[in-house]
Amino acid sequence: MVTYRIQGLKWLHVVAQSVLVLTIFWGWVAFLFEVMHYDPTFAFERYAIFSGMLVVGLLVDSARSGRLKLNVLELEPGKANRITLQQTGVILGALLLFLVAIKDQTISRVFLFSFIPVLYTVLFLSNRFLPGVLANFLFSGRRTHRTLLLGPSYKASQLKSWLKRKARYGIQAIGLLTDESQPVSLDDIPWLGSIEETEEVIRRTGATQVIMVEMPNSSEAVNNLADVCVRLGVRFMVVHDLDDKLRHPIYLIEDDGLYFIGLHREPLESPVNRLLKRILDLAISIPVVILVLPPVTLFVWLVQRLQSPGSIFCYQQRSGIQNKVFRLFKFRTMQMNHGTDVRQACHGDPRVYPAGRWLRRASMDELPQFINVLRGEMSVVGPRPHMIEHNERFAQIKKHYQVRTFIKPGLTGLAQVRGYRGEIRTDDDLVARVEADIHYIENWSIGLDWKIVFQTAWQMVSPPHSAY
């Protein structure tokens, strides 16, 4: 399978780089101390440890930086330079840490600083050209996968860019088998016949791999093709296009020997992640409720006495996690007895008293919701809860709307810091918010929460135009 080739090449590249660095290191040692006779007190044991630290630094950098996820065959000069600078920095950091830790005085500083440009040059050239050299050696000749594509030509055409990128890994498309009477032209990939002729075409062309370009509707058909490939010693793969059939991205999940297909990643299903999120909620909400909320409540009460006497708070029914209804706390920003609570506030809304506009713009009216956070009904960060009266209508506009209820609602969220706040005037406004909320649910991290908290704090100081 091509994934094993890709991962194997990446690891082999790291190993080859390590060997090259060691070779150049000892070559430079020989040049400086044997040829140039720079320092007659050369200590072999120290330099041996020194060379080992080079390799350790290189391996640590490869594992830490996520470089094994890169396509090493497509590193343009700029990216190769950035990677090389990072590698050189990590390696030198490991070396200097070693020197400081053991207070070593035997390593020549002249050798160390003269070796740095040599090290950078070797690493840059090996990042730029070595993967290609290795791939040409490893994946050519008998190691080339002569690949037949099976299925609709329009589906096969979607693989053309992938095939082009994998050509250097030895994946060579030699033809298409399809039951279409007039298949779409695939340029340099010829039409070789129908799917029924698979066995005969494999024998005639010497194909070593068969790829079905879509998941077949008939299990019998795929079983027959798999049997043919197994019997002939040919690799058999099927392009996973279930996300196209479901019209939704999917995620493969393995658990206790069973494989499942899910529509969403859910990091907050982990109790560890939920605990981290709850700690963040308490760390923020407890000081706010104890220190900030009382004086702000007094201030709002005084303003209301002057502009709009009545209840200091307003209470609204909202849907929380798993659509469980809870009572949401807010400072009242509208006139009493206006009778239109279910209607969203709009720009210049006459129901909002003057100071209420400032409270809404600075998001100060949401401050009492830290009580909801303490009670466990909300989180500091999460999808904003909408009025129950709006949920059914919103769900009709965006079919993924209710995915937001997978987690607790929040005082702020990714949608809000992206500017999607205030009145939902169009369907596009709602779609943008829901997509941001789902992205948050699928990509949650404690770092993302803190980032949203800081961005929200800044928006309280400098509110966006959508805040009113």
Protein backbone atom coordinates (compact mmCIF):
# COMPACT_ATOMS: atom_id res chain seq x y z
CA MET A 1 0.00 0.00 0.00
CA VAL A 2 1.20 3.48 -0.86
CA THR A 3 0.85 4.73 2.75
CA TYR A 4 3.54 2.30 3.86
CA ARG A 5 5.81 3.53 1.08
CA ILE A 6 5.27 7.14 2.12
CA GLN A 7 5.90 6.54 5.82
CA GLY A 8 8.84 4.25 5.09
CA LEU A 9 10.47 6.86 2.87
CA LYS A 10 10.08 9.52 5.56
CA TRP A 11 11.72 7.37 8.22
CA LEU A 12 14.44 6.25 5.82
CA HIS A 13 15.09 9.89 5.02
CA VAL A 14 15.60 10.64 8.73
CA VAL A 15 17.94 7.64 9.10
CA ALA A 16 19.88 8.62 5.96
CA GLN A 17 20.19 12.19 7.25
CA SER A 18 21.56 10.86 10.53
CA VAL A 19 24.17 8.79 8.70
CA LEU A 20 25.11 11.76 6.52
CA VAL A 21 25.46 14.07 9.53
CA LEU A 22 27.67 11.53 11.31
CA THR A 23 29.78 11.06 8.20
CA ILE A 24 30.26 14.79 7.69
CA PHE A 25 30.94 15.27 11.39
CA TRP A 26 33.78 12.75 11.48
CA GLY A 27 35.02 13.96 8.10
CA TRP A 28 35.26 17.48 9.51
CA VAL A 29 36.98 16.12 12.63
CA ALA A 30 39.54 14.34 10.42
CA PHE A 31 40.07 17.45 8.30
CA LEU A 32 40.53 19.82 11.24
CA PHE A 33 42.57 17.64 13.57
CA GLU A 34 44.41 15.23 11.29
CA VAL A 35 44.96 17.26 8.13
CA MET A 36 45.17 20.76 9.59
CA HIS A 37 46.64 19.59 12.96
CA TYR A 38 44.53 22.20 14.70
CA ASP A 39 44.56 20.71 18.22
CA PRO A 40 46.94 17.92 19.31
CA THR A 41 44.89 17.31 22.51
CA PHE A 42 41.99 15.78 20.60
CA ALA A 43 39.73 13.68 22.92
CA PHE A 44 38.04 10.96 20.84
CA GLU A 45 35.60 9.89 23.57
CA ARG A 46 34.19 13.40 23.97
CA TYR A 47 33.70 13.85 20.25
CA ALA A 48 32.01 10.44 20.02
CA ILE A 49 29.45 11.57 22.61
CA PHE A 50 29.21 14.88 20.75
CA SER A 51 28.35 13.08 17.49
CA GLY A 52 25.72 11.01 19.30
CA MET A 53 24.04 14.21 20.47
CA LEU A 54 23.81 15.32 16.85
CA VAL A 55 21.74 12.26 15.99
CA VAL A 56 19.61 12.59 19.14
CA GLY A 57 18.82 16.21 18.28
CA LEU A 58 17.90 15.25 14.70
CA LEU A 59 15.58 12.44 15.84
CA VAL A 60 13.96 14.59 18.52
CA ASP A 61 13.30 17.34 15.99
CA SER A 62 11.76 14.87 13.51
CA ALA A 63 9.44 13.40 16.14
CA ARG A 64 8.54 16.73 17.79
CA SER A 65 7.96 18.91 14.74
CA GLY A 66 5.46 16.66 12.96
CA ARG A 67 7.83 16.52 10.00
CA LEU A 68 6.87 12.91 9.38
CA LYS A 69 3.51 14.25 8.16
CA LEU A 70 5.12 16.29 5.38
CA ASN A 71 5.47 15.17 1.78
CA VAL A 72 9.25 15.02 1.67
CA LEU A 73 9.22 14.68 -2.14
CA GLU A 74 7.66 18.11 -2.58
CA LEU A 75 9.84 20.41 -0.47
CA GLU A 76 10.46 23.62 -2.41
CA PRO A 77 13.61 25.62 -1.53
CA GLY A 78 11.83 27.99 0.87
CA LYS A 79 10.26 25.22 2.94
CA ALA A 80 13.47 23.17 2.83
CA ASN A 81 15.34 26.21 4.17
CA ARG A 82 12.86 26.70 7.03
CA ILE A 83 13.03 23.03 7.98
CA THR A 84 16.83 23.06 7.82
CA LEU A 85 17.09 26.14 10.03
CA GLN A 86 14.81 24.50 12.58
CA GLN A 87 16.80 21.25 12.48
CA THR A 88 20.07 23.11 12.88
CA GLY A 89 18.67 25.10 15.81
CA VAL A 90 17.38 22.02 17.64
CA ILE A 91 20.62 20.09 17.09
CA LEU A 92 22.76 23.00 18.31
CA GLY A 93 20.44 23.44 21.27
CA ALA A 94 20.95 19.79 22.22
CA LEU A 95 24.72 20.16 21.85
CA LEU A 96 24.93 23.33 23.93
CA LEU A 97 22.71 21.80 26.61
CA PHE A 98 25.08 18.86 26.74
CA LEU A 99 28.15 21.11 26.99
CA VAL A 100 26.61 23.21 29.77
CA ALA A 101 25.37 20.19 31.70
CA ILE A 102 28.77 18.46 31.87
CA LYS A 103 30.79 21.73 31.84
CA ASP A 104 32.92 20.29 29.06
CA GLN A 105 36.09 22.21 28.16
CA THR A 106 37.64 19.70 25.77
CA ILE A 107 35.37 20.34 22.78
CA SER A 108 36.97 22.88 20.48
CA ARG A 109 34.79 25.98 20.04
CA VAL A 110 36.54 26.62 16.73
CA PHE A 111 35.44 23.16 15.59
CA LEU A 112 31.88 23.74 16.83
CA PHE A 113 31.32 27.08 15.12
CA SER A 114 33.08 26.06 11.90
CA PHE A 115 30.91 22.93 11.77
CA ILE A 116 27.62 24.89 11.91
CA PRO A 117 27.65 26.06 8.24
CA VAL A 118 28.75 22.58 7.16
CA LEU A 119 25.87 21.04 9.12
CA TYR A 120 23.34 23.49 7.63
CA THR A 121 24.57 22.81 4.08
CA VAL A 122 24.37 19.03 4.48
CA LEU A 123 20.91 19.19 6.02
CA PHE A 124 19.59 21.58 3.37
CA LEU A 125 20.86 19.46 0.47
CA SER A 126 19.54 16.28 2.09
CA ASN A 127 16.12 17.85 2.64
CA ARG A 128 15.99 19.16 -0.90
CA PHE A 129 17.34 16.24 -2.93
CA LEU A 130 17.82 13.10 -0.82
CA PRO A 131 14.13 11.99 -0.75
CA GLY A 132 14.01 12.06 -4.55
CA VAL A 133 17.20 10.01 -4.83
CA LEU A 134 15.87 7.46 -2.35
CA ALA A 135 12.48 7.28 -4.09
CA ASN A 136 14.08 6.71 -7.51
CA PHE A 137 16.15 3.89 -6.07
CA LEU A 138 13.38 2.26 -4.02
CA PHE A 139 10.27 2.60 -6.18
CA SER A 140 11.41 2.01 -9.74
CA GLY A 141 11.73 -1.11 -11.86
CA ARG A 142 10.18 -4.14 -10.22
CA ARG A 143 8.89 -1.99 -7.36
CA THR A 144 6.61 0.01 -9.69
CA HIS A 145 2.91 -0.70 -9.12
CA ARG A 146 1.27 -1.02 -12.55
CA THR A 147 -2.22 0.10 -11.59
CA LEU A 148 -5.60 -0.51 -13.24
CA LEU A 149 -8.49 1.81 -12.40
CA LEU A 150 -11.98 0.27 -12.25
CA GLY A 151 -15.24 2.20 -12.31
CA PRO A 152 -16.85 5.33 -13.79
CA SER A 153 -14.48 7.51 -15.76
CA TYR A 154 -15.62 10.72 -14.05
CA LYS A 155 -14.64 9.18 -10.71
CA ALA A 156 -11.32 8.03 -12.13
CA SER A 157 -10.63 11.56 -13.35
CA GLN A 158 -10.83 12.73 -9.72
CA LEU A 159 -7.79 10.56 -8.98
CA LYS A 160 -5.58 12.10 -11.64
CA SER A 161 -3.93 14.67 -9.37
CA TRP A 162 -3.42 11.99 -6.68
CA LEU A 163 -1.85 9.64 -9.22
CA LYS A 164 0.45 12.42 -10.40
CA ARG A 165 1.63 13.09 -6.82
CA LYS A 166 2.20 9.38 -6.15
CA ALA A 167 4.03 8.66 -9.40
CA ARG A 168 7.36 9.17 -7.62
CA TYR A 169 6.32 6.51 -5.13
CA GLY A 170 6.04 4.03 -7.97
CA ILE A 171 2.28 4.24 -8.65
CA GLN A 172 1.79 4.04 -12.43
CA ALA A 173 -1.74 4.09 -13.88
CA ILE A 174 -1.76 1.89 -16.99
CA GLY A 175 -5.44 1.94 -17.89
CA LEU A 176 -9.14 2.22 -17.05
CA LEU A 177 -11.79 -0.49 -17.06
CA THR A 178 -15.35 0.83 -17.11
CA ASP A 179 -18.79 -0.28 -18.22
CA GLU A 180 -19.53 3.14 -19.74
CA SER A 181 -20.05 3.21 -23.50
CA GLN A 182 -18.43 6.65 -23.84
CA PRO A 183 -16.01 7.21 -20.94
CA VAL A 184 -14.53 10.61 -20.17
CA SER A 185 -11.05 11.03 -21.67
CA LEU A 186 -8.26 10.64 -19.08
CA ASP A 187 -5.47 11.85 -21.39
CA ASP A 188 -2.56 9.43 -20.87
CA ILE A 189 -4.67 6.74 -19.13
CA PRO A 190 -6.18 4.56 -21.91
CA TRP A 191 -9.54 2.77 -21.82
CA LEU A 192 -8.77 -0.94 -21.85
CA GLY A 193 -12.24 -2.51 -21.70
CA SER A 194 -15.10 -3.36 -19.37
CA ILE A 195 -14.97 -4.41 -15.72
CA GLU A 196 -15.96 -7.96 -16.73
CA GLU A 197 -12.64 -8.22 -18.53
CA THR A 198 -10.60 -7.48 -15.40
CA GLU A 199 -8.89 -10.88 -15.17
CA GLU A 200 -7.97 -10.98 -18.86
CA VAL A 201 -6.63 -7.38 -18.78
CA ILE A 202 -4.55 -8.09 -15.65
CA ARG A 203 -2.94 -11.08 -17.36
CA ARG A 204 -2.38 -9.16 -20.60
CA THR A 205 -0.91 -5.98 -19.08
CA GLY A 206 0.97 -7.45 -16.13
CA ALA A 207 -0.90 -5.18 -13.72
CA THR A 208 0.19 -5.49 -10.10
CA GLN A 209 -2.52 -3.34 -8.48
CA VAL A 210 -6.24 -2.69 -9.00
CA ILE A 211 -8.04 0.36 -7.61
CA MET A 212 -11.83 0.61 -7.67
CA VAL A 213 -12.53 4.33 -7.96
CA GLU A 214 -15.78 4.19 -5.94
CA MET A 215 -17.45 1.93 -3.41
CA PRO A 216 -19.68 -0.47 -5.39
CA ASN A 217 -23.37 -0.87 -4.63
CA SER A 218 -23.15 -4.65 -4.90
CA SER A 219 -21.11 -6.60 -2.34
CA GLU A 220 -21.11 -9.58 -4.72
CA ALA A 221 -19.38 -7.54 -7.42
CA VAL A 222 -16.60 -6.36 -5.12
CA ASN A 223 -16.17 -9.88 -3.69
CA ASN A 224 -15.73 -11.32 -7.18
CA LEU A 225 -13.13 -8.66 -8.09
CA ALA A 226 -11.30 -9.19 -4.81
CA ASP A 227 -11.23 -12.96 -5.46
CA VAL A 228 -9.75 -12.38 -8.92
CA CYS A 229 -7.01 -10.13 -7.53
CA VAL A 230 -6.18 -12.48 -4.66
CA ARG A 231 -6.00 -15.44 -7.02
CA LEU A 232 -3.66 -13.57 -9.39
CA GLY A 233 -1.50 -12.08 -6.62
CA VAL A 234 -2.56 -8.50 -7.41
CA ARG A 235 -3.08 -5.77 -4.82
CA PHE A 236 -6.71 -4.65 -4.52
CA MET A 237 -7.95 -1.33 -3.12
CA VAL A 238 -11.26 0.55 -3.11
CA VAL A 239 -11.50 4.35 -2.97
CA HIS A 240 -13.48 5.27 0.12
CA ASP A 241 -16.15 7.67 -1.16
CA LEU A 242 -18.82 7.12 1.48
CA ASP A 243 -18.58 10.79 2.42
CA ASP A 244 -19.73 11.62 -1.13
CA LYS A 245 -22.63 9.19 -0.87
CA LEU A 246 -23.66 10.61 2.53
CA ARG A 247 -22.83 14.16 1.42
CA HIS A 248 -20.97 14.67 4.68
CA PRO A 249 -17.36 14.21 5.87
CA ILE A 250 -16.95 10.97 7.82
CA TYR A 251 -14.48 9.62 10.35
CA LEU A 252 -13.41 6.02 10.77
CA ILE A 253 -13.40 4.73 14.34
CA GLU A 254 -11.99 1.42 15.60
CA ASP A 255 -13.04 0.05 18.98
CA ASP A 256 -12.61 -3.41 20.46
CA GLY A 257 -12.29 -5.09 17.09
CA LEU A 258 -15.22 -3.26 15.47
CA TYR A 259 -14.99 -0.46 12.89
CA PHE A 260 -17.51 2.37 12.89
CA ILE A 261 -18.19 5.33 10.65
CA GLY A 262 -19.01 8.61 12.36
CA LEU A 263 -19.98 12.00 11.00
CA HIS A 264 -18.12 14.12 13.56
CA ARG A 265 -14.99 14.07 15.71
CA GLU A 266 -15.84 14.70 19.36
CA PRO A 267 -12.78 15.46 21.51
CA LEU A 268 -15.04 16.46 24.40
CA GLU A 269 -16.32 12.91 24.70
CA SER A 270 -13.05 12.26 26.55
CA PRO A 271 -13.59 12.66 30.32
CA VAL A 272 -10.07 14.09 30.59
CA ASN A 273 -10.91 16.83 28.09
CA ARG A 274 -14.22 17.53 29.81
CA LEU A 275 -12.38 17.82 33.14
CA LEU A 276 -9.89 20.29 31.63
CA LYS A 277 -12.74 22.34 30.20
CA ARG A 278 -14.60 22.31 33.52
CA ILE A 279 -11.47 23.46 35.37
CA LEU A 280 -11.18 26.37 32.92
CA ASP A 281 -14.87 27.19 33.45
CA LEU A 282 -14.49 27.29 37.23
CA ALA A 283 -11.16 29.14 37.10
CA ILE A 284 -12.84 31.97 35.20
CA SER A 285 -16.41 31.95 36.52
CA ILE A 286 -15.69 31.80 40.28
CA PRO A 287 -13.62 35.04 40.38
CA VAL A 288 -16.12 36.76 38.05
CA VAL A 289 -19.14 35.81 40.15
CA ILE A 290 -17.43 36.76 43.44
CA LEU A 291 -15.49 39.88 42.43
CA VAL A 292 -16.95 41.31 39.22
CA LEU A 293 -20.64 40.47 39.14
CA PRO A 294 -21.69 42.23 42.41
CA PRO A 295 -20.38 45.75 41.56
CA VAL A 296 -21.54 45.46 37.93
CA THR A 297 -24.99 44.37 39.12
CA LEU A 298 -25.17 47.45 41.38
CA PHE A 299 -24.15 49.68 38.46
CA VAL A 300 -26.77 48.15 36.15
CA TRP A 301 -29.44 48.49 38.87
CA LEU A 302 -28.68 52.23 39.24
CA VAL A 303 -28.78 52.77 35.45
CA GLN A 304 -32.06 50.91 35.18
CA ARG A 305 -33.61 52.98 37.96
CA LEU A 306 -32.88 56.07 35.84
CA GLN A 307 -33.76 54.78 32.37
CA SER A 308 -35.98 51.70 32.65
CA PRO A 309 -37.23 50.72 36.12
CA GLY A 310 -38.10 47.09 36.61
CA SER A 311 -36.44 43.72 37.09
CA ILE A 312 -32.65 43.88 36.98
CA PHE A 313 -32.41 40.45 35.33
CA CYS A 314 -34.31 38.77 32.56
CA TYR A 315 -34.69 35.02 32.38
CA GLN A 316 -35.07 33.07 29.15
CA GLN A 317 -35.61 29.40 28.39
CA ARG A 318 -32.78 28.06 26.25
CA SER A 319 -31.75 24.62 24.99
CA GLY A 320 -28.50 23.26 26.36
CA ILE A 321 -26.55 20.05 25.90
CA GLN A 322 -28.71 17.29 24.38
CA ASN A 323 -31.50 19.87 24.02
CA LYS A 324 -32.12 19.98 27.78
CA VAL A 325 -33.93 23.20 28.66
CA PHE A 326 -32.40 25.53 31.27
CA ARG A 327 -33.03 29.07 32.49
CA LEU A 328 -30.48 31.56 31.17
CA PHE A 329 -29.60 34.68 33.18
CA LYS A 330 -29.02 38.07 31.56
CA PHE A 331 -29.08 41.69 32.62
CA ARG A 332 -32.27 43.20 31.26
CA THR A 333 -31.45 45.58 28.41
CA MET A 334 -34.98 46.11 27.02
CA GLN A 335 -37.93 48.07 28.31
CA MET A 336 -40.33 46.23 30.59
CA ASN A 337 -43.57 44.79 29.17
CA HIS A 338 -42.60 45.11 25.52
CA GLY A 339 -44.13 41.69 24.89
CA THR A 340 -41.72 40.66 22.10
CA ASP A 341 -39.13 38.56 23.91
CA VAL A 342 -39.05 35.95 21.15
CA ARG A 343 -38.00 38.48 18.51
CA GLN A 344 -34.25 38.96 18.03
CA ALA A 345 -32.79 42.34 18.86
CA CYS A 346 -31.89 44.30 15.73
CA HIS A 347 -29.79 47.36 15.02
CA GLY A 348 -31.47 50.45 16.55
CA ASP A 349 -34.10 48.29 18.26
CA PRO A 350 -36.53 50.68 20.06
CA ARG A 351 -37.12 48.11 22.81
CA VAL A 352 -33.56 48.60 24.11
CA TYR A 353 -33.13 51.45 26.60
CA PRO A 354 -30.11 53.76 25.99
CA ALA A 355 -27.65 52.27 28.50
CA GLY A 356 -28.83 48.81 27.44
CA ARG A 357 -27.31 49.44 24.00
CA TRP A 358 -23.90 49.95 25.59
CA LEU A 359 -24.33 46.84 27.77
CA ARG A 360 -25.18 44.75 24.72
CA ARG A 361 -22.41 46.19 22.57
CA ALA A 362 -19.79 45.43 25.27
CA SER A 363 -21.44 42.03 26.00
CA MET A 364 -21.89 43.13 29.62
CA ASP A 365 -25.51 41.92 29.56
CA GLU A 366 -24.16 38.34 29.31
CA LEU A 367 -22.20 38.60 32.59
CA PRO A 368 -24.85 36.87 34.77
CA GLN A 369 -24.45 33.76 32.62
CA PHE A 370 -21.35 32.98 34.66
CA ILE A 371 -23.93 31.77 37.19
CA ASN A 372 -25.13 29.30 34.55
CA VAL A 373 -21.51 28.23 34.12
CA LEU A 374 -21.10 27.60 37.86
CA ARG A 375 -24.31 25.56 37.83
CA GLY A 376 -22.90 23.40 35.02
CA GLU A 377 -25.59 24.42 32.51
CA MET A 378 -23.16 26.33 30.31
CA SER A 379 -19.47 26.61 29.58
CA VAL A 380 -17.38 29.73 29.15
CA VAL A 381 -16.73 28.72 25.52
CA GLY A 382 -19.20 26.89 23.31
CA PRO A 383 -22.01 27.44 20.78
CA ARG A 384 -24.28 30.30 21.82
CA PRO A 385 -27.71 29.03 22.94
CA HIS A 386 -30.59 30.42 20.88
CA MET A 387 -34.17 30.86 21.99
CA ILE A 388 -36.20 27.66 21.95
CA GLU A 389 -38.70 29.33 19.61
CA HIS A 390 -35.92 29.79 17.04
CA ASN A 391 -34.33 26.35 17.18
CA GLU A 392 -36.88 24.51 15.05
CA ARG A 393 -36.78 27.17 12.34
CA PHE A 394 -32.98 27.30 12.35
CA ALA A 395 -32.81 23.49 12.10
CA GLN A 396 -34.86 23.67 8.91
CA ILE A 397 -32.41 26.15 7.39
CA LYS A 398 -29.22 24.27 8.33
CA LYS A 399 -29.62 20.51 8.69
CA HIS A 400 -26.53 20.22 10.94
CA TYR A 401 -27.86 22.85 13.34
CA GLN A 402 -28.66 20.44 16.18
CA VAL A 403 -25.07 19.12 16.20
CA ARG A 404 -24.41 22.18 18.36
CA THR A 405 -26.22 20.41 21.22
CA PHE A 406 -23.47 17.75 21.44
CA ILE A 407 -21.74 19.98 24.00
CA LYS A 408 -22.73 22.64 26.54
CA PRO A 409 -23.58 26.07 25.15
CA GLY A 410 -21.16 28.90 25.92
CA LEU A 411 -21.03 32.55 26.84
CA THR A 412 -18.80 33.05 23.83
CA GLY A 413 -17.67 30.86 21.00
CA LEU A 414 -15.69 30.53 17.82
CA ALA A 415 -18.56 31.99 15.80
CA GLN A 416 -18.67 35.08 18.00
CA VAL A 417 -14.94 35.86 17.80
CA ARG A 418 -15.15 35.41 14.02
CA GLY A 419 -17.73 38.21 13.97
CA TYR A 420 -20.88 36.10 13.64
CA ARG A 421 -22.89 37.64 16.45
CA GLY A 422 -25.95 39.83 16.85
CA GLU A 423 -29.09 39.41 14.77
CA ILE A 424 -29.37 36.53 12.30
CA ARG A 425 -30.78 38.35 9.30
CA THR A 426 -30.15 35.88 6.49
CA ASP A 427 -29.76 32.14 6.03
CA ASP A 428 -26.08 32.73 5.26
CA ASP A 429 -25.62 34.33 8.69
CA LEU A 430 -26.94 31.18 10.34
CA VAL A 431 -24.93 28.82 8.13
CA ALA A 432 -21.69 30.67 8.95
CA ARG A 433 -22.39 30.46 12.70
CA VAL A 434 -23.29 26.77 12.64
CA GLU A 435 -20.23 25.87 10.57
CA ALA A 436 -18.01 27.73 13.04
CA ASP A 437 -19.68 25.96 15.97
CA ILE A 438 -19.25 22.53 14.38
CA HIS A 439 -15.62 23.30 13.60
CA TYR A 440 -15.16 24.13 17.28
CA ILE A 441 -16.83 20.88 18.40
CA GLU A 442 -14.68 18.77 16.07
CA ASN A 443 -11.40 20.55 16.77
CA TRP A 444 -11.71 21.44 20.45
CA SER A 445 -8.56 21.89 22.50
CA ILE A 446 -7.88 23.69 25.77
CA GLY A 447 -5.59 26.02 23.82
CA LEU A 448 -8.43 26.92 21.45
CA ASP A 449 -10.63 27.74 24.45
CA TRP A 450 -8.04 30.11 25.89
CA LYS A 451 -7.56 31.74 22.49
CA ILE A 452 -11.31 32.39 22.20
CA VAL A 453 -11.42 33.75 25.78
CA PHE A 454 -8.65 36.28 25.03
CA GLN A 455 -10.23 37.28 21.71
CA THR A 456 -13.57 37.79 23.46
CA ALA A 457 -11.92 39.96 26.12
CA TRP A 458 -10.45 42.13 23.37
CA GLN A 459 -13.86 42.41 21.66
CA MET A 460 -15.30 43.72 24.94
CA VAL A 461 -12.76 46.55 24.73
CA SER A 462 -13.15 47.06 20.99
CA PRO A 463 -16.59 45.66 19.97
CA PRO A 464 -17.10 44.57 16.35
CA HIS A 465 -19.69 46.27 14.13
CA SER A 466 -22.05 43.29 14.52
CA ALA A 467 -22.36 43.96 18.28
CA TYR A 468 -25.55 45.82 19.25
